[in-house]
Amino acid sequence: MKSPQEEHGLSETGMVKSLPPEFDSSPKEGLRIAVVGKGGSGKTMVVATMTRVFASIGNLRVLAIDADSAVSLPYALGIEVDRTVSDIRNQMIENPQARREARDRHISLLISDILKRGQGFDVLVMGRPEGPGCYCAINDLLKYGIETFSRQYDVTLIDCEAGPEQVNRRVVSGVGIMMIVTDPSMRGVRVAGSIWEVARKDEQLKSTHVGLVINRLKAKADDGLIAESAARMGLEVFGRIPEDENVEHWDSAGRPIIDMPASSPSVEAIRGILRAVVPGRLSL
């Protein structure tokens, strides 16, 4: 009897037995950036703006993953999403016919069905968390599919759940850069510190470049206590994003953040942070 992994093209150890021909067998040495932090700190704005910056280069394959159950990244990117990874998982659990059909396809192809394409980027949405019960085998398959899928891209950006949970569960293991976003509040700094504490102890994140991004600064002097706290924790400060009235205006008007003017202070600041954090890798 085949295991769930084998039925979806995986061996018992999780290695690919055979990938579909449309998937490159030589994975890209792509850049992966995870954005974490307190809820409401501006994580989604940062991811949406980074997506815009990388997509504007024009010669990169860019994947934006919404791993937050709030599902706000698609709106910030101006994309309508009708199906999520969670929907696939629920179908496989609840619908025997869907489960039988899934056995004939590689998990990466199942996930590619729900991929949405924007201007110069693709979007993948994880969706709401599962209900009661343990569906570990299916969740493992879906995690593996996302891992395989992201290898086809030059840049993968992940908008994570608020707090340290996804870092603790190693959902973002293997990323090259982790940005911990905080607003100018001490609560935000405490959450950032808890995330950093988990990340620095994780062997799988030893090679990950982790740093703090201070968002919504009204004046540079406002970051004094935050910078001091980061220094005490041994946490690098990647950069600062000033308060930007365009963000509030676009958000309140229901307009995608990705469409803000390139001259917006937040867009310029995030582009500058990327230039500093990814030197020599990309023409930003």
C-alpha atoms as a PDB file:
ATOM      1  CA  MET A   1       0.000   0.000   0.000  1.00  0.00           C
ATOM      2  CA  LYS A   2       1.352   3.403  -1.005  1.00  0.00           C
ATOM      3  CA  SER A   3       1.892   6.134   1.546  1.00  0.00           C
ATOM      4  CA  PRO A   4       0.339   9.581   1.000  1.00  0.00           C
ATOM      5  CA  GLN A   5       3.790  10.855   0.010  1.00  0.00           C
ATOM      6  CA  GLU A   6       4.219   8.178  -2.656  1.00  0.00           C
ATOM      7  CA  GLU A   7       0.758   8.809  -4.034  1.00  0.00           C
ATOM      8  CA  HIS A   8       1.732  12.410  -4.705  1.00  0.00           C
ATOM      9  CA  GLY A   9       5.092  11.725  -6.315  1.00  0.00           C
ATOM     10  CA  LEU A  10       7.201  11.770  -3.131  1.00  0.00           C
ATOM     11  CA  SER A  11       9.254   9.080  -1.471  1.00  0.00           C
ATOM     12  CA  GLU A  12       8.845   8.200   2.186  1.00  0.00           C
ATOM     13  CA  THR A  13      11.736  10.541   3.012  1.00  0.00           C
ATOM     14  CA  GLY A  14      10.042  13.452   1.271  1.00  0.00           C
ATOM     15  CA  MET A  15      12.351  13.464  -1.773  1.00  0.00           C
ATOM     16  CA  VAL A  16      10.850  13.903  -5.220  1.00  0.00           C
ATOM     17  CA  LYS A  17      10.423  10.679  -7.160  1.00  0.00           C
ATOM     18  CA  SER A  18       9.467  12.513 -10.339  1.00  0.00           C
ATOM     19  CA  LEU A  19       8.580  16.120 -11.042  1.00  0.00           C
ATOM     20  CA  PRO A  20       6.278  17.127 -13.870  1.00  0.00           C
ATOM     21  CA  PRO A  21       8.177  18.207 -17.023  1.00  0.00           C
ATOM     22  CA  GLU A  22       7.039  21.826 -16.651  1.00  0.00           C
ATOM     23  CA  PHE A  23       8.987  22.042 -13.377  1.00  0.00           C
ATOM     24  CA  ASP A  24      12.685  22.771 -13.801  1.00  0.00           C
ATOM     25  CA  SER A  25      14.707  19.892 -12.383  1.00  0.00           C
ATOM     26  CA  SER A  26      17.574  22.323 -11.629  1.00  0.00           C
ATOM     27  CA  PRO A  27      16.087  24.599  -8.956  1.00  0.00           C
ATOM     28  CA  LYS A  28      17.039  28.262  -8.930  1.00  0.00           C
ATOM     29  CA  GLU A  29      19.355  29.675  -6.286  1.00  0.00           C
ATOM     30  CA  GLY A  30      16.577  32.111  -5.543  1.00  0.00           C
ATOM     31  CA  LEU A  31      16.336  34.781  -2.887  1.00  0.00           C
ATOM     32  CA  ARG A  32      13.768  34.062  -0.165  1.00  0.00           C
ATOM     33  CA  ILE A  33      12.647  36.778   2.224  1.00  0.00           C
ATOM     34  CA  ALA A  34      10.268  36.179   5.138  1.00  0.00           C
ATOM     35  CA  VAL A  35       8.566  39.160   6.789  1.00  0.00           C
ATOM     36  CA  VAL A  36       7.440  38.673  10.380  1.00  0.00           C
ATOM     37  CA  GLY A  37       6.364  40.906  13.262  1.00  0.00           C
ATOM     38  CA  LYS A  38       3.494  42.110  15.404  1.00  0.00           C
ATOM     39  CA  GLY A  39       0.024  42.260  13.927  1.00  0.00           C
ATOM     40  CA  GLY A  40      -0.640  45.712  12.496  1.00  0.00           C
ATOM     41  CA  SER A  41       3.043  46.600  12.248  1.00  0.00           C
ATOM     42  CA  GLY A  42       2.927  46.892   8.455  1.00  0.00           C
ATOM     43  CA  LYS A  43       4.206  43.481   7.351  1.00  0.00           C
ATOM     44  CA  THR A  44       1.814  43.259   4.417  1.00  0.00           C
ATOM     45  CA  MET A  45       2.690  46.758   3.203  1.00  0.00           C
ATOM     46  CA  VAL A  46       6.371  45.833   3.281  1.00  0.00           C
ATOM     47  CA  VAL A  47       5.817  42.596   1.341  1.00  0.00           C
ATOM     48  CA  ALA A  48       3.554  44.282  -1.228  1.00  0.00           C
ATOM     49  CA  THR A  49       6.087  47.057  -1.776  1.00  0.00           C
ATOM     50  CA  MET A  50       8.983  44.612  -2.086  1.00  0.00           C
ATOM     51  CA  THR A  51       6.920  42.684  -4.626  1.00  0.00           C
ATOM     52  CA  ARG A  52       6.490  45.896  -6.585  1.00  0.00           C
ATOM     53  CA  VAL A  53      10.227  46.687  -6.430  1.00  0.00           C
ATOM     54  CA  PHE A  54      11.354  43.249  -7.602  1.00  0.00           C
ATOM     55  CA  ALA A  55       8.634  42.985 -10.264  1.00  0.00           C
ATOM     56  CA  SER A  56       9.685  46.353 -11.693  1.00  0.00           C
ATOM     57  CA  ILE A  57      13.117  44.944 -12.547  1.00  0.00           C
ATOM     58  CA  GLY A  58      11.429  42.984 -15.311  1.00  0.00           C
ATOM     59  CA  ASN A  59      13.724  39.981 -15.695  1.00  0.00           C
ATOM     60  CA  LEU A  60      12.905  38.152 -12.459  1.00  0.00           C
ATOM     61  CA  ARG A  61      10.338  35.520 -11.593  1.00  0.00           C
ATOM     62  CA  VAL A  62       8.735  36.776  -8.377  1.00  0.00           C
ATOM     63  CA  LEU A  63       6.459  34.785  -6.062  1.00  0.00           C
ATOM     64  CA  ALA A  64       4.558  36.450  -3.206  1.00  0.00           C
ATOM     65  CA  ILE A  65       3.170  34.033  -0.596  1.00  0.00           C
ATOM     66  CA  ASP A  66       0.466  35.096   1.843  1.00  0.00           C
ATOM     67  CA  ALA A  67       1.051  32.821   4.844  1.00  0.00           C
ATOM     68  CA  ASP A  68      -1.102  34.981   7.115  1.00  0.00           C
ATOM     69  CA  SER A  69      -4.603  33.704   7.857  1.00  0.00           C
ATOM     70  CA  ALA A  70      -5.859  37.304   7.694  1.00  0.00           C
ATOM     71  CA  VAL A  71      -5.381  37.009   3.894  1.00  0.00           C
ATOM     72  CA  SER A  72      -4.625  40.689   3.251  1.00  0.00           C
ATOM     73  CA  LEU A  73      -1.679  40.468   0.827  1.00  0.00           C
ATOM     74  CA  PRO A  74      -3.783  39.820  -2.325  1.00  0.00           C
ATOM     75  CA  TYR A  75      -5.744  43.028  -1.712  1.00  0.00           C
ATOM     76  CA  ALA A  76      -2.535  44.996  -1.219  1.00  0.00           C
ATOM     77  CA  LEU A  77      -1.357  43.584  -4.563  1.00  0.00           C
ATOM     78  CA  GLY A  78      -4.643  44.229  -6.354  1.00  0.00           C
ATOM     79  CA  ILE A  79      -5.299  40.518  -6.899  1.00  0.00           C
ATOM     80  CA  GLU A  80      -8.570  38.645  -6.378  1.00  0.00           C
ATOM     81  CA  VAL A  81      -8.106  35.130  -5.030  1.00  0.00           C
ATOM     82  CA  ASP A  82     -10.819  32.483  -5.225  1.00  0.00           C
ATOM     83  CA  ARG A  83      -8.924  29.416  -3.958  1.00  0.00           C
ATOM     84  CA  THR A  84      -6.209  28.855  -1.384  1.00  0.00           C
ATOM     85  CA  VAL A  85      -3.891  26.081  -0.232  1.00  0.00           C
ATOM     86  CA  SER A  86      -6.283  25.590   2.678  1.00  0.00           C
ATOM     87  CA  ASP A  87      -9.119  24.952   0.212  1.00  0.00           C
ATOM     88  CA  ILE A  88      -7.072  22.199  -1.453  1.00  0.00           C
ATOM     89  CA  ARG A  89      -6.332  20.638   1.918  1.00  0.00           C
ATOM     90  CA  ASN A  90      -9.976  20.735   2.977  1.00  0.00           C
ATOM     91  CA  GLN A  91     -11.117  19.187  -0.304  1.00  0.00           C
ATOM     92  CA  MET A  92      -8.647  16.345   0.102  1.00  0.00           C
ATOM     93  CA  ILE A  93      -9.896  15.725   3.636  1.00  0.00           C
ATOM     94  CA  GLU A  94     -13.624  16.031   3.016  1.00  0.00           C
ATOM     95  CA  ASN A  95     -14.121  14.888  -0.575  1.00  0.00           C
ATOM     96  CA  PRO A  96     -13.096  11.307  -1.493  1.00  0.00           C
ATOM     97  CA  GLN A  97     -13.423  12.091  -5.208  1.00  0.00           C
ATOM     98  CA  ALA A  98     -11.075  15.082  -4.924  1.00  0.00           C
ATOM     99  CA  ARG A  99      -8.669  12.906  -2.956  1.00  0.00           C
ATOM    100  CA  ARG A 100      -8.709  10.237  -5.680  1.00  0.00           C
ATOM    101  CA  GLU A 101      -8.136  12.847  -8.400  1.00  0.00           C
ATOM    102  CA  ALA A 102      -5.262  14.343  -6.417  1.00  0.00           C
ATOM    103  CA  ARG A 103      -3.466  10.982  -6.426  1.00  0.00           C
ATOM    104  CA  ASP A 104      -2.962  11.265 -10.175  1.00  0.00           C
ATOM    105  CA  ARG A 105      -1.221  14.609  -9.974  1.00  0.00           C
ATOM    106  CA  HIS A 106       1.975  15.895  -8.375  1.00  0.00           C
ATOM    107  CA  ILE A 107       1.322  18.145  -5.370  1.00  0.00           C
ATOM    108  CA  SER A 108       3.115  21.033  -7.118  1.00  0.00           C
ATOM    109  CA  LEU A 109       0.561  20.903  -9.911  1.00  0.00           C
ATOM    110  CA  LEU A 110      -2.291  20.966  -7.415  1.00  0.00           C
ATOM    111  CA  ILE A 111      -0.849  24.140  -5.947  1.00  0.00           C
ATOM    112  CA  SER A 112      -0.171  25.666  -9.372  1.00  0.00           C
ATOM    113  CA  ASP A 113      -3.917  25.513 -10.048  1.00  0.00           C
ATOM    114  CA  ILE A 114      -4.562  28.193  -7.423  1.00  0.00           C
ATOM    115  CA  LEU A 115      -1.677  30.451  -8.391  1.00  0.00           C
ATOM    116  CA  LYS A 116      -2.744  33.971  -9.382  1.00  0.00           C
ATOM    117  CA  ARG A 117      -0.712  36.094 -11.766  1.00  0.00           C
ATOM    118  CA  GLY A 118      -0.162  39.821 -11.407  1.00  0.00           C
ATOM    119  CA  GLN A 119       1.981  42.227 -13.396  1.00  0.00           C
ATOM    120  CA  GLY A 120       5.449  40.738 -13.089  1.00  0.00           C
ATOM    121  CA  PHE A 121       4.697  38.477 -10.133  1.00  0.00           C
ATOM    122  CA  ASP A 122       2.664  35.453  -8.993  1.00  0.00           C
ATOM    123  CA  VAL A 123       0.639  35.156  -5.780  1.00  0.00           C
ATOM    124  CA  LEU A 124       0.001  32.090  -3.629  1.00  0.00           C
ATOM    125  CA  VAL A 125      -2.354  32.271  -0.633  1.00  0.00           C
ATOM    126  CA  MET A 126      -2.243  29.782   2.228  1.00  0.00           C
ATOM    127  CA  GLY A 127      -5.727  30.645   3.537  1.00  0.00           C
ATOM    128  CA  ARG A 128      -7.415  30.132   6.877  1.00  0.00           C
ATOM    129  CA  PRO A 129      -5.984  27.689   9.411  1.00  0.00           C
ATOM    130  CA  GLU A 130      -7.481  24.208   9.542  1.00  0.00           C
ATOM    131  CA  GLY A 131     -10.239  23.274  11.948  1.00  0.00           C
ATOM    132  CA  PRO A 132     -10.133  20.633  14.692  1.00  0.00           C
ATOM    133  CA  GLY A 133      -8.195  17.454  14.079  1.00  0.00           C
ATOM    134  CA  CYS A 134      -4.729  16.553  12.877  1.00  0.00           C
ATOM    135  CA  TYR A 135      -4.091  16.384   9.157  1.00  0.00           C
ATOM    136  CA  CYS A 136      -0.325  16.177   9.390  1.00  0.00           C
ATOM    137  CA  ALA A 137       0.255  14.011   6.289  1.00  0.00           C
ATOM    138  CA  ILE A 138      -1.689  16.361   4.032  1.00  0.00           C
ATOM    139  CA  ASN A 139      -0.127  19.442   5.610  1.00  0.00           C
ATOM    140  CA  ASP A 140       3.320  17.956   5.046  1.00  0.00           C
ATOM    141  CA  LEU A 141       2.485  17.374   1.385  1.00  0.00           C
ATOM    142  CA  LEU A 142       1.309  20.956   0.991  1.00  0.00           C
ATOM    143  CA  LYS A 143       4.386  22.351   2.714  1.00  0.00           C
ATOM    144  CA  TYR A 144       6.544  20.230   0.428  1.00  0.00           C
ATOM    145  CA  GLY A 145       4.636  21.467  -2.606  1.00  0.00           C
ATOM    146  CA  ILE A 146       5.203  25.108  -1.635  1.00  0.00           C
ATOM    147  CA  GLU A 147       8.886  24.415  -1.062  1.00  0.00           C
ATOM    148  CA  THR A 148       9.190  22.796  -4.485  1.00  0.00           C
ATOM    149  CA  PHE A 149       7.165  25.515  -6.168  1.00  0.00           C
ATOM    150  CA  SER A 150       9.202  28.400  -4.754  1.00  0.00           C
ATOM    151  CA  ARG A 151      12.340  26.885  -6.252  1.00  0.00           C
ATOM    152  CA  GLN A 152      11.089  27.896  -9.672  1.00  0.00           C
ATOM    153  CA  TYR A 153      11.382  31.602  -8.769  1.00  0.00           C
ATOM    154  CA  ASP A 154      14.231  34.089  -8.540  1.00  0.00           C
ATOM    155  CA  VAL A 155      12.596  35.849  -5.575  1.00  0.00           C
ATOM    156  CA  THR A 156      10.080  34.493  -3.050  1.00  0.00           C
ATOM    157  CA  LEU A 157       8.514  36.863  -0.521  1.00  0.00           C
ATOM    158  CA  ILE A 158       6.526  35.509   2.435  1.00  0.00           C
ATOM    159  CA  ASP A 159       4.020  37.539   4.449  1.00  0.00           C
ATOM    160  CA  CYS A 160       3.921  35.591   7.727  1.00  0.00           C
ATOM    161  CA  GLU A 161       1.430  35.287  10.576  1.00  0.00           C
ATOM    162  CA  ALA A 162       1.779  37.807  13.386  1.00  0.00           C
ATOM    163  CA  GLY A 163       4.078  36.780  16.237  1.00  0.00           C
ATOM    164  CA  PRO A 164       6.730  34.056  16.509  1.00  0.00           C
ATOM    165  CA  GLU A 165       4.569  30.976  15.838  1.00  0.00           C
ATOM    166  CA  GLN A 166       5.532  30.345  12.197  1.00  0.00           C
ATOM    167  CA  VAL A 167       9.192  30.844  13.054  1.00  0.00           C
ATOM    168  CA  ASN A 168       8.809  28.443  15.962  1.00  0.00           C
ATOM    169  CA  ARG A 169       7.102  25.866  13.696  1.00  0.00           C
ATOM    170  CA  ARG A 170       9.866  26.286  11.120  1.00  0.00           C
ATOM    171  CA  VAL A 171       7.436  27.311   8.410  1.00  0.00           C
ATOM    172  CA  VAL A 172      10.051  29.820   7.207  1.00  0.00           C
ATOM    173  CA  SER A 173      13.147  27.655   7.595  1.00  0.00           C
ATOM    174  CA  GLY A 174      15.447  27.951   4.614  1.00  0.00           C
ATOM    175  CA  VAL A 175      14.866  31.646   3.921  1.00  0.00           C
ATOM    176  CA  GLY A 176      17.920  33.774   3.198  1.00  0.00           C
ATOM    177  CA  ILE A 177      16.614  36.945   4.833  1.00  0.00           C
ATOM    178  CA  MET A 178      14.142  37.478   7.669  1.00  0.00           C
ATOM    179  CA  MET A 179      12.781  40.969   8.229  1.00  0.00           C
ATOM    180  CA  ILE A 180      11.201  41.567  11.627  1.00  0.00           C
ATOM    181  CA  VAL A 181       8.884  44.558  11.227  1.00  0.00           C
ATOM    182  CA  THR A 182       7.948  46.714  14.203  1.00  0.00           C
ATOM    183  CA  ASP A 183       6.082  49.973  14.650  1.00  0.00           C
ATOM    184  CA  PRO A 184       7.513  52.611  17.040  1.00  0.00           C
ATOM    185  CA  SER A 185       5.758  51.032  20.058  1.00  0.00           C
ATOM    186  CA  MET A 186       7.468  49.128  22.843  1.00  0.00           C
ATOM    187  CA  ARG A 187       4.887  46.360  22.400  1.00  0.00           C
ATOM    188  CA  GLY A 188       6.081  45.966  18.833  1.00  0.00           C
ATOM    189  CA  VAL A 189       9.674  45.824  20.042  1.00  0.00           C
ATOM    190  CA  ARG A 190       8.807  43.139  22.600  1.00  0.00           C
ATOM    191  CA  VAL A 191       7.169  41.000  19.908  1.00  0.00           C
ATOM    192  CA  ALA A 192      10.203  41.570  17.677  1.00  0.00           C
ATOM    193  CA  GLY A 193      12.422  40.447  20.535  1.00  0.00           C
ATOM    194  CA  SER A 194      10.410  37.255  21.062  1.00  0.00           C
ATOM    195  CA  ILE A 195      10.677  36.430  17.351  1.00  0.00           C
ATOM    196  CA  TRP A 196      14.418  37.115  17.361  1.00  0.00           C
ATOM    197  CA  GLU A 197      14.844  34.902  20.439  1.00  0.00           C
ATOM    198  CA  VAL A 198      13.219  31.971  18.619  1.00  0.00           C
ATOM    199  CA  ALA A 199      15.100  32.597  15.356  1.00  0.00           C
ATOM    200  CA  ARG A 200      18.577  32.841  16.863  1.00  0.00           C
ATOM    201  CA  LYS A 201      18.175  29.483  18.632  1.00  0.00           C
ATOM    202  CA  ASP A 202      17.005  27.633  15.510  1.00  0.00           C
ATOM    203  CA  GLU A 203      19.827  25.727  13.813  1.00  0.00           C
ATOM    204  CA  GLN A 204      17.927  25.846  10.520  1.00  0.00           C
ATOM    205  CA  LEU A 205      18.083  29.647  10.587  1.00  0.00           C
ATOM    206  CA  LYS A 206      21.783  29.955  11.436  1.00  0.00           C
ATOM    207  CA  SER A 207      22.613  31.129   7.915  1.00  0.00           C
ATOM    208  CA  THR A 208      19.572  33.420   7.679  1.00  0.00           C
ATOM    209  CA  HIS A 209      20.284  37.146   7.748  1.00  0.00           C
ATOM    210  CA  VAL A 210      17.857  38.479  10.376  1.00  0.00           C
ATOM    211  CA  GLY A 211      17.213  42.139  11.020  1.00  0.00           C
ATOM    212  CA  LEU A 212      14.730  44.702  12.293  1.00  0.00           C
ATOM    213  CA  VAL A 213      12.745  47.105  10.106  1.00  0.00           C
ATOM    214  CA  ILE A 214      11.273  50.051  12.025  1.00  0.00           C
ATOM    215  CA  ASN A 215       8.055  51.211  10.363  1.00  0.00           C
ATOM    216  CA  ARG A 216       5.921  54.370  10.649  1.00  0.00           C
ATOM    217  CA  LEU A 217       8.578  56.625  12.110  1.00  0.00           C
ATOM    218  CA  LYS A 218       7.366  60.214  12.466  1.00  0.00           C
ATOM    219  CA  ALA A 219      10.903  61.427  13.073  1.00  0.00           C
ATOM    220  CA  LYS A 220      14.277  59.718  13.156  1.00  0.00           C
ATOM    221  CA  ALA A 221      14.636  60.615  16.828  1.00  0.00           C
ATOM    222  CA  ASP A 222      11.632  58.368  17.557  1.00  0.00           C
ATOM    223  CA  ASP A 223      13.699  55.241  17.008  1.00  0.00           C
ATOM    224  CA  GLY A 224      16.209  55.897  19.808  1.00  0.00           C
ATOM    225  CA  LEU A 225      14.754  53.481  22.371  1.00  0.00           C
ATOM    226  CA  ILE A 226      13.993  50.893  19.686  1.00  0.00           C
ATOM    227  CA  ALA A 227      17.536  50.994  18.317  1.00  0.00           C
ATOM    228  CA  GLU A 228      18.924  50.702  21.845  1.00  0.00           C
ATOM    229  CA  SER A 229      16.696  47.695  22.540  1.00  0.00           C
ATOM    230  CA  ALA A 230      17.768  46.051  19.279  1.00  0.00           C
ATOM    231  CA  ALA A 231      21.432  46.639  20.127  1.00  0.00           C
ATOM    232  CA  ARG A 232      20.996  45.027  23.548  1.00  0.00           C
ATOM    233  CA  MET A 233      19.401  41.999  21.904  1.00  0.00           C
ATOM    234  CA  GLY A 234      22.152  41.779  19.285  1.00  0.00           C
ATOM    235  CA  LEU A 235      19.580  42.378  16.560  1.00  0.00           C
ATOM    236  CA  GLU A 236      20.708  44.272  13.488  1.00  0.00           C
ATOM    237  CA  VAL A 237      18.561  47.168  12.266  1.00  0.00           C
ATOM    238  CA  PHE A 238      18.033  46.765   8.516  1.00  0.00           C
ATOM    239  CA  GLY A 239      16.472  50.179   8.130  1.00  0.00           C
ATOM    240  CA  ARG A 240      13.645  52.583   8.828  1.00  0.00           C
ATOM    241  CA  ILE A 241      10.417  53.426   7.012  1.00  0.00           C
ATOM    242  CA  PRO A 242       8.959  56.886   7.675  1.00  0.00           C
ATOM    243  CA  GLU A 243       5.280  57.495   8.277  1.00  0.00           C
ATOM    244  CA  ASP A 244       3.726  57.758   4.826  1.00  0.00           C
ATOM    245  CA  GLU A 245       0.326  59.380   4.339  1.00  0.00           C
ATOM    246  CA  ASN A 246       0.023  57.596   0.974  1.00  0.00           C
ATOM    247  CA  VAL A 247      -0.243  54.238   2.771  1.00  0.00           C
ATOM    248  CA  GLU A 248      -3.193  55.377   4.866  1.00  0.00           C
ATOM    249  CA  HIS A 249      -4.803  57.145   1.915  1.00  0.00           C
ATOM    250  CA  TRP A 250      -4.505  54.151  -0.435  1.00  0.00           C
ATOM    251  CA  ASP A 251      -5.646  51.751   2.267  1.00  0.00           C
ATOM    252  CA  SER A 252      -8.702  53.773   3.325  1.00  0.00           C
ATOM    253  CA  ALA A 253      -9.697  54.239  -0.320  1.00  0.00           C
ATOM    254  CA  GLY A 254      -9.466  50.487  -0.937  1.00  0.00           C
ATOM    255  CA  ARG A 255      -6.715  50.955  -3.495  1.00  0.00           C
ATOM    256  CA  PRO A 256      -3.872  48.414  -3.798  1.00  0.00           C
ATOM    257  CA  ILE A 257      -0.738  49.460  -1.932  1.00  0.00           C
ATOM    258  CA  ILE A 258       1.304  48.238  -4.879  1.00  0.00           C
ATOM    259  CA  ASP A 259      -0.064  51.143  -6.952  1.00  0.00           C
ATOM    260  CA  MET A 260       1.314  53.883  -4.709  1.00  0.00           C
ATOM    261  CA  PRO A 261       3.600  56.427  -6.442  1.00  0.00           C
ATOM    262  CA  ALA A 262       7.243  55.351  -6.721  1.00  0.00           C
ATOM    263  CA  SER A 263       8.139  58.617  -4.987  1.00  0.00           C
ATOM    264  CA  SER A 264       6.213  57.640  -1.841  1.00  0.00           C
ATOM    265  CA  PRO A 265       8.484  57.771   1.229  1.00  0.00           C
ATOM    266  CA  SER A 266       7.715  54.160   2.146  1.00  0.00           C
ATOM    267  CA  VAL A 267       8.503  52.867  -1.349  1.00  0.00           C
ATOM    268  CA  GLU A 268      11.803  54.746  -1.456  1.00  0.00           C
ATOM    269  CA  ALA A 269      12.713  53.550   2.042  1.00  0.00           C
ATOM    270  CA  ILE A 270      11.983  49.890   1.277  1.00  0.00           C
ATOM    271  CA  ARG A 271      13.951  50.084  -1.943  1.00  0.00           C
ATOM    272  CA  GLY A 272      16.847  51.482   0.076  1.00  0.00           C
ATOM    273  CA  ILE A 273      16.572  48.690   2.648  1.00  0.00           C
ATOM    274  CA  LEU A 274      16.682  46.082  -0.118  1.00  0.00           C
ATOM    275  CA  ARG A 275      19.762  47.732  -1.653  1.00  0.00           C
ATOM    276  CA  ALA A 276      21.490  47.496   1.708  1.00  0.00           C
ATOM    277  CA  VAL A 277      20.376  43.961   2.585  1.00  0.00           C
ATOM    278  CA  VAL A 278      20.780  42.413  -0.873  1.00  0.00           C
ATOM    279  CA  PRO A 279      23.982  44.128  -2.112  1.00  0.00           C
ATOM    280  CA  GLY A 280      25.260  43.084  -5.504  1.00  0.00           C
ATOM    281  CA  ARG A 281      22.543  40.450  -5.981  1.00  0.00           C
ATOM    282  CA  LEU A 282      19.939  42.454  -7.828  1.00  0.00           C
ATOM    283  CA  SER A 283      19.817  45.720  -9.715  1.00  0.00           C
ATOM    284  CA  LEU A 284      17.506  47.763  -7.519  1.00  0.00           C
END
